[in-house]
Amino acid sequence: MKICAVVILSAALPAMALAATSDPLDGADFVVNCVSDNTGGAVTLARSGATDKGFIVTDDIRGEATIIAGLNSLTFLHIMDKDVVTFVVDFEDLNYDMSIKGPHAAQDFGSCGDPIG
């Protein structure tokens, strides 16, 4: 019985370790695709290289972002001209809130799929 338990644990531990290291909140690389509840437009947020830098792609916004960790969330901060764009993705309920502060002020929100990493 002990041998059986050891075999099962030895097979399960690497998979559990991989799952633990692929968590976006722990710095793992990922892509998350979201859909706006207002317009139905696509939003893609990504991190590559396990840094605090990421990328935002929407119909109107495309560029690098600084990623700031929060409680069960990540904030993507992007500055374009005189506008400051923030996307806050809550990885507990897989929703996002977006706001643009500046001359092109706007608000948006939507839902996201599971992070791919």
N, C-alpha and C. Protein backbone atom coordinates (compact mmCIF):
# COMPACT_ATOMS: atom_id res chain seq x y z
N MET A 1 0.82 -1.19 0.00
CA MET A 1 0.00 0.00 0.00
C MET A 1 0.87 1.25 0.00
N LYS A 2 1.98 1.25 0.79
CA LYS A 2 2.87 2.40 0.82
C LYS A 2 3.51 2.64 -0.54
N ILE A 3 3.86 1.57 -1.21
CA ILE A 3 4.48 1.70 -2.53
C ILE A 3 3.51 2.33 -3.51
N CYS A 4 2.26 1.93 -3.44
CA CYS A 4 1.22 2.48 -4.31
C CYS A 4 1.06 3.98 -4.06
N ALA A 5 1.05 4.39 -2.80
CA ALA A 5 0.92 5.82 -2.46
C ALA A 5 2.12 6.61 -2.96
N VAL A 6 3.31 6.05 -2.84
CA VAL A 6 4.52 6.72 -3.32
C VAL A 6 4.47 6.89 -4.83
N VAL A 7 4.03 5.87 -5.55
CA VAL A 7 3.94 5.94 -7.01
C VAL A 7 2.94 7.01 -7.43
N ILE A 8 1.80 7.04 -6.77
CA ILE A 8 0.77 8.04 -7.11
C ILE A 8 1.29 9.45 -6.82
N LEU A 9 1.90 9.66 -5.66
CA LEU A 9 2.42 10.98 -5.33
C LEU A 9 3.55 11.40 -6.26
N SER A 10 4.42 10.47 -6.63
CA SER A 10 5.53 10.83 -7.52
C SER A 10 5.01 11.22 -8.89
N ALA A 11 3.88 10.68 -9.31
CA ALA A 11 3.29 11.06 -10.59
C ALA A 11 2.53 12.37 -10.48
N ALA A 12 1.90 12.63 -9.34
CA ALA A 12 1.06 13.81 -9.18
C ALA A 12 1.84 15.07 -8.83
N LEU A 13 2.93 14.96 -8.09
CA LEU A 13 3.67 16.14 -7.64
C LEU A 13 4.22 17.00 -8.77
N PRO A 14 4.83 16.42 -9.82
CA PRO A 14 5.29 17.29 -10.91
C PRO A 14 4.15 18.07 -11.57
N ALA A 15 3.00 17.43 -11.75
CA ALA A 15 1.86 18.13 -12.34
C ALA A 15 1.36 19.23 -11.42
N MET A 16 1.34 18.98 -10.12
CA MET A 16 0.92 20.01 -9.17
C MET A 16 1.91 21.15 -9.16
N ALA A 17 3.18 20.87 -9.25
CA ALA A 17 4.21 21.92 -9.27
C ALA A 17 4.08 22.76 -10.52
N LEU A 18 3.82 22.14 -11.67
CA LEU A 18 3.64 22.87 -12.91
C LEU A 18 2.42 23.78 -12.82
N ALA A 19 1.33 23.28 -12.26
CA ALA A 19 0.13 24.09 -12.11
C ALA A 19 0.39 25.27 -11.20
N ALA A 20 1.15 25.07 -10.16
CA ALA A 20 1.44 26.15 -9.22
C ALA A 20 2.31 27.22 -9.85
N THR A 21 3.22 26.84 -10.76
CA THR A 21 4.09 27.82 -11.37
C THR A 21 3.45 28.52 -12.55
N SER A 22 2.31 28.07 -13.05
CA SER A 22 1.67 28.72 -14.19
C SER A 22 0.56 29.68 -13.76
N ASP A 23 0.55 30.09 -12.52
CA ASP A 23 -0.45 31.01 -11.99
C ASP A 23 -0.05 32.45 -12.36
N PRO A 24 -0.92 33.18 -13.10
CA PRO A 24 -0.60 34.55 -13.47
C PRO A 24 -0.29 35.45 -12.26
N LEU A 25 -0.90 35.17 -11.13
CA LEU A 25 -0.67 35.98 -9.93
C LEU A 25 0.70 35.74 -9.33
N ASP A 26 1.35 34.65 -9.71
CA ASP A 26 2.69 34.33 -9.20
C ASP A 26 3.80 34.68 -10.18
N GLY A 27 3.48 35.45 -11.20
CA GLY A 27 4.50 35.90 -12.14
C GLY A 27 4.67 35.06 -13.38
N ALA A 28 3.80 34.09 -13.61
CA ALA A 28 3.94 33.23 -14.78
C ALA A 28 3.54 33.96 -16.06
N ASP A 29 4.12 33.53 -17.17
CA ASP A 29 3.71 34.03 -18.48
C ASP A 29 2.29 33.56 -18.76
N PHE A 30 1.49 34.40 -19.41
CA PHE A 30 0.13 34.00 -19.75
C PHE A 30 -0.45 34.93 -20.80
N VAL A 31 -1.55 34.48 -21.38
CA VAL A 31 -2.41 35.29 -22.24
C VAL A 31 -3.82 35.06 -21.74
N VAL A 32 -4.57 36.14 -21.59
CA VAL A 32 -5.97 36.01 -21.20
C VAL A 32 -6.80 36.80 -22.22
N ASN A 33 -7.82 36.13 -22.76
CA ASN A 33 -8.71 36.76 -23.73
C ASN A 33 -10.01 37.11 -23.05
N CYS A 34 -10.45 38.35 -23.25
CA CYS A 34 -11.66 38.84 -22.61
C CYS A 34 -12.60 39.41 -23.66
N VAL A 35 -13.86 39.60 -23.27
CA VAL A 35 -14.87 40.17 -24.15
C VAL A 35 -15.60 41.26 -23.39
N SER A 36 -15.73 42.42 -24.03
CA SER A 36 -16.42 43.56 -23.43
C SER A 36 -17.91 43.27 -23.32
N ASP A 37 -18.49 43.52 -22.15
CA ASP A 37 -19.93 43.40 -21.99
C ASP A 37 -20.67 44.54 -22.68
N ASN A 38 -19.99 45.68 -22.87
CA ASN A 38 -20.63 46.85 -23.51
C ASN A 38 -20.69 46.73 -25.02
N THR A 39 -19.55 46.41 -25.65
CA THR A 39 -19.46 46.45 -27.10
C THR A 39 -19.30 45.08 -27.75
N GLY A 40 -18.95 44.07 -26.98
CA GLY A 40 -18.67 42.75 -27.55
C GLY A 40 -17.28 42.67 -28.15
N GLY A 41 -16.49 43.74 -28.01
CA GLY A 41 -15.13 43.76 -28.56
C GLY A 41 -14.19 42.86 -27.78
N ALA A 42 -13.13 42.46 -28.45
CA ALA A 42 -12.14 41.57 -27.85
C ALA A 42 -11.07 42.37 -27.13
N VAL A 43 -10.61 41.83 -26.00
CA VAL A 43 -9.51 42.40 -25.23
C VAL A 43 -8.54 41.25 -24.96
N THR A 44 -7.27 41.45 -25.29
CA THR A 44 -6.25 40.45 -25.01
C THR A 44 -5.18 41.09 -24.14
N LEU A 45 -4.88 40.44 -23.03
CA LEU A 45 -3.85 40.89 -22.10
C LEU A 45 -2.83 39.77 -21.96
N ALA A 46 -1.55 40.12 -21.91
CA ALA A 46 -0.52 39.09 -21.88
C ALA A 46 0.68 39.54 -21.07
N ARG A 47 1.42 38.55 -20.56
CA ARG A 47 2.72 38.78 -19.94
C ARG A 47 3.67 37.73 -20.51
N SER A 48 4.88 38.18 -20.85
CA SER A 48 5.89 37.29 -21.36
C SER A 48 7.20 37.60 -20.67
N GLY A 49 7.92 36.58 -20.32
CA GLY A 49 9.21 36.77 -19.68
C GLY A 49 9.14 36.87 -18.17
N ALA A 50 7.99 36.59 -17.58
CA ALA A 50 7.81 36.58 -16.12
C ALA A 50 8.34 37.87 -15.50
N THR A 51 7.96 39.02 -16.09
CA THR A 51 8.37 40.32 -15.57
C THR A 51 7.12 41.11 -15.19
N ASP A 52 7.31 42.38 -14.84
CA ASP A 52 6.16 43.24 -14.56
C ASP A 52 5.74 43.99 -15.82
N LYS A 53 6.14 43.51 -16.99
CA LYS A 53 5.75 44.12 -18.26
C LYS A 53 4.80 43.19 -19.00
N GLY A 54 3.81 43.79 -19.63
CA GLY A 54 2.84 43.02 -20.37
C GLY A 54 2.44 43.74 -21.63
N PHE A 55 1.32 43.30 -22.21
CA PHE A 55 0.86 43.84 -23.48
C PHE A 55 -0.66 43.87 -23.48
N ILE A 56 -1.23 44.91 -24.08
CA ILE A 56 -2.68 45.08 -24.20
C ILE A 56 -3.01 45.20 -25.68
N VAL A 57 -4.06 44.49 -26.11
CA VAL A 57 -4.57 44.63 -27.47
C VAL A 57 -6.09 44.71 -27.41
N THR A 58 -6.64 45.81 -27.92
CA THR A 58 -8.08 45.96 -28.11
C THR A 58 -8.27 46.55 -29.51
N ASP A 59 -9.52 46.89 -29.85
CA ASP A 59 -9.76 47.54 -31.14
C ASP A 59 -9.06 48.89 -31.22
N ASP A 60 -8.98 49.62 -30.10
CA ASP A 60 -8.45 50.98 -30.10
C ASP A 60 -7.11 51.13 -29.38
N ILE A 61 -6.71 50.14 -28.60
CA ILE A 61 -5.51 50.24 -27.78
C ILE A 61 -4.59 49.07 -28.12
N ARG A 62 -3.32 49.41 -28.30
CA ARG A 62 -2.33 48.35 -28.55
C ARG A 62 -1.01 48.87 -28.04
N GLY A 63 -0.41 48.15 -27.08
CA GLY A 63 0.89 48.57 -26.60
C GLY A 63 1.31 47.89 -25.33
N GLU A 64 2.53 48.24 -24.91
CA GLU A 64 3.09 47.67 -23.69
C GLU A 64 2.41 48.26 -22.46
N ALA A 65 2.41 47.47 -21.40
CA ALA A 65 1.80 47.89 -20.14
C ALA A 65 2.68 47.45 -18.98
N THR A 66 2.59 48.19 -17.90
CA THR A 66 3.22 47.79 -16.65
C THR A 66 2.18 47.01 -15.86
N ILE A 67 2.58 45.88 -15.30
CA ILE A 67 1.66 45.03 -14.54
C ILE A 67 1.90 45.24 -13.06
N ILE A 68 0.81 45.54 -12.34
CA ILE A 68 0.87 45.76 -10.90
C ILE A 68 -0.01 44.71 -10.23
N ALA A 69 0.58 43.94 -9.31
CA ALA A 69 -0.16 42.87 -8.64
C ALA A 69 -1.06 43.43 -7.56
N GLY A 70 -2.24 42.82 -7.41
CA GLY A 70 -3.18 43.15 -6.36
C GLY A 70 -3.67 41.86 -5.72
N LEU A 71 -4.68 41.97 -4.90
CA LEU A 71 -5.27 40.81 -4.25
C LEU A 71 -6.14 40.07 -5.25
N ASN A 72 -5.71 38.90 -5.71
CA ASN A 72 -6.41 38.09 -6.72
C ASN A 72 -6.60 38.82 -8.05
N SER A 73 -5.79 39.86 -8.30
CA SER A 73 -5.95 40.62 -9.53
C SER A 73 -4.60 41.13 -10.03
N LEU A 74 -4.60 41.51 -11.29
CA LEU A 74 -3.47 42.20 -11.89
C LEU A 74 -4.00 43.44 -12.58
N THR A 75 -3.28 44.54 -12.43
CA THR A 75 -3.64 45.78 -13.12
C THR A 75 -2.63 46.01 -14.23
N PHE A 76 -3.13 46.23 -15.43
CA PHE A 76 -2.30 46.56 -16.59
C PHE A 76 -2.41 48.07 -16.79
N LEU A 77 -1.31 48.78 -16.67
CA LEU A 77 -1.26 50.23 -16.78
C LEU A 77 -0.56 50.60 -18.08
N HIS A 78 -1.27 51.35 -18.92
CA HIS A 78 -0.74 51.73 -20.23
C HIS A 78 -0.97 53.23 -20.43
N ILE A 79 0.06 53.94 -20.85
CA ILE A 79 -0.06 55.37 -21.10
C ILE A 79 0.06 55.60 -22.60
N MET A 80 -0.96 56.29 -23.14
CA MET A 80 -0.93 56.62 -24.57
C MET A 80 -1.28 58.10 -24.72
N ASP A 81 -0.33 58.84 -25.22
CA ASP A 81 -0.45 60.29 -25.35
C ASP A 81 -0.80 60.91 -24.00
N LYS A 82 -1.98 61.52 -23.88
CA LYS A 82 -2.38 62.16 -22.62
C LYS A 82 -3.38 61.32 -21.84
N ASP A 83 -3.59 60.08 -22.27
CA ASP A 83 -4.54 59.18 -21.61
C ASP A 83 -3.80 58.13 -20.80
N VAL A 84 -4.38 57.79 -19.65
CA VAL A 84 -3.86 56.69 -18.82
C VAL A 84 -4.93 55.60 -18.82
N VAL A 85 -4.54 54.40 -19.28
CA VAL A 85 -5.45 53.27 -19.41
C VAL A 85 -5.12 52.27 -18.32
N THR A 86 -6.13 51.83 -17.57
CA THR A 86 -5.94 50.76 -16.59
C THR A 86 -6.96 49.65 -16.85
N PHE A 87 -6.44 48.42 -16.96
CA PHE A 87 -7.26 47.22 -17.02
C PHE A 87 -6.99 46.46 -15.73
N VAL A 88 -8.02 46.20 -14.95
CA VAL A 88 -7.87 45.41 -13.73
C VAL A 88 -8.59 44.08 -13.98
N VAL A 89 -7.82 42.99 -13.96
CA VAL A 89 -8.38 41.66 -14.19
C VAL A 89 -8.43 40.94 -12.85
N ASP A 90 -9.63 40.54 -12.45
CA ASP A 90 -9.84 39.77 -11.22
C ASP A 90 -9.79 38.29 -11.60
N PHE A 91 -8.75 37.58 -11.16
CA PHE A 91 -8.58 36.18 -11.54
C PHE A 91 -9.41 35.24 -10.69
N GLU A 92 -10.13 35.76 -9.71
CA GLU A 92 -11.03 34.92 -8.94
C GLU A 92 -12.36 34.73 -9.67
N ASP A 93 -12.91 35.83 -10.21
CA ASP A 93 -14.17 35.71 -10.93
C ASP A 93 -14.02 35.91 -12.44
N LEU A 94 -12.77 36.11 -12.91
CA LEU A 94 -12.44 36.27 -14.33
C LEU A 94 -13.25 37.39 -15.00
N ASN A 95 -13.31 38.53 -14.34
CA ASN A 95 -13.91 39.74 -14.90
C ASN A 95 -12.85 40.82 -14.99
N TYR A 96 -13.10 41.82 -15.83
CA TYR A 96 -12.19 42.95 -15.89
C TYR A 96 -12.95 44.26 -15.84
N ASP A 97 -12.28 45.29 -15.35
CA ASP A 97 -12.77 46.66 -15.39
C ASP A 97 -11.68 47.47 -16.07
N MET A 98 -12.08 48.33 -17.01
CA MET A 98 -11.14 49.17 -17.71
C MET A 98 -11.57 50.62 -17.56
N SER A 99 -10.59 51.49 -17.37
CA SER A 99 -10.91 52.92 -17.38
C SER A 99 -9.80 53.66 -18.10
N ILE A 100 -10.23 54.71 -18.78
CA ILE A 100 -9.30 55.62 -19.43
C ILE A 100 -9.51 56.99 -18.80
N LYS A 101 -8.44 57.54 -18.26
CA LYS A 101 -8.47 58.88 -17.67
C LYS A 101 -7.71 59.80 -18.61
N GLY A 102 -8.29 60.94 -18.93
CA GLY A 102 -7.66 61.90 -19.82
C GLY A 102 -8.67 62.41 -20.82
N PRO A 103 -8.19 63.00 -21.92
CA PRO A 103 -9.08 63.59 -22.91
C PRO A 103 -10.06 62.60 -23.54
N HIS A 104 -9.71 61.34 -23.61
CA HIS A 104 -10.58 60.31 -24.19
C HIS A 104 -11.16 59.41 -23.11
N ALA A 105 -11.63 59.99 -22.02
CA ALA A 105 -12.12 59.23 -20.87
C ALA A 105 -13.18 58.22 -21.29
N ALA A 106 -13.09 57.02 -20.70
CA ALA A 106 -14.04 55.95 -21.01
C ALA A 106 -14.00 54.92 -19.88
N GLN A 107 -15.05 54.12 -19.83
CA GLN A 107 -15.16 53.00 -18.88
C GLN A 107 -15.61 51.78 -19.67
N ASP A 108 -15.18 50.62 -19.24
CA ASP A 108 -15.61 49.37 -19.86
C ASP A 108 -15.46 48.26 -18.83
N PHE A 109 -16.15 47.18 -19.06
CA PHE A 109 -16.04 46.00 -18.19
C PHE A 109 -16.42 44.80 -19.03
N GLY A 110 -16.00 43.62 -18.56
CA GLY A 110 -16.33 42.42 -19.30
C GLY A 110 -15.86 41.17 -18.58
N SER A 111 -15.91 40.07 -19.29
CA SER A 111 -15.53 38.79 -18.70
C SER A 111 -14.37 38.20 -19.50
N CYS A 112 -13.58 37.38 -18.82
CA CYS A 112 -12.37 36.79 -19.39
C CYS A 112 -12.45 35.28 -19.34
N GLY A 113 -11.73 34.65 -20.22
CA GLY A 113 -11.56 33.20 -20.18
C GLY A 113 -10.44 32.84 -19.24
N ASP A 114 -10.20 31.57 -19.07
CA ASP A 114 -9.08 31.12 -18.24
C ASP A 114 -7.77 31.54 -18.88
N PRO A 115 -6.81 31.96 -18.06
CA PRO A 115 -5.49 32.32 -18.59
C PRO A 115 -4.84 31.13 -19.28
N ILE A 116 -4.19 31.40 -20.39
CA ILE A 116 -3.47 30.38 -21.14
C ILE A 116 -1.99 30.62 -20.90
N GLY A 117 -1.29 29.64 -20.45
CA GLY A 117 0.11 29.86 -20.14
C GLY A 117 0.85 28.63 -20.24
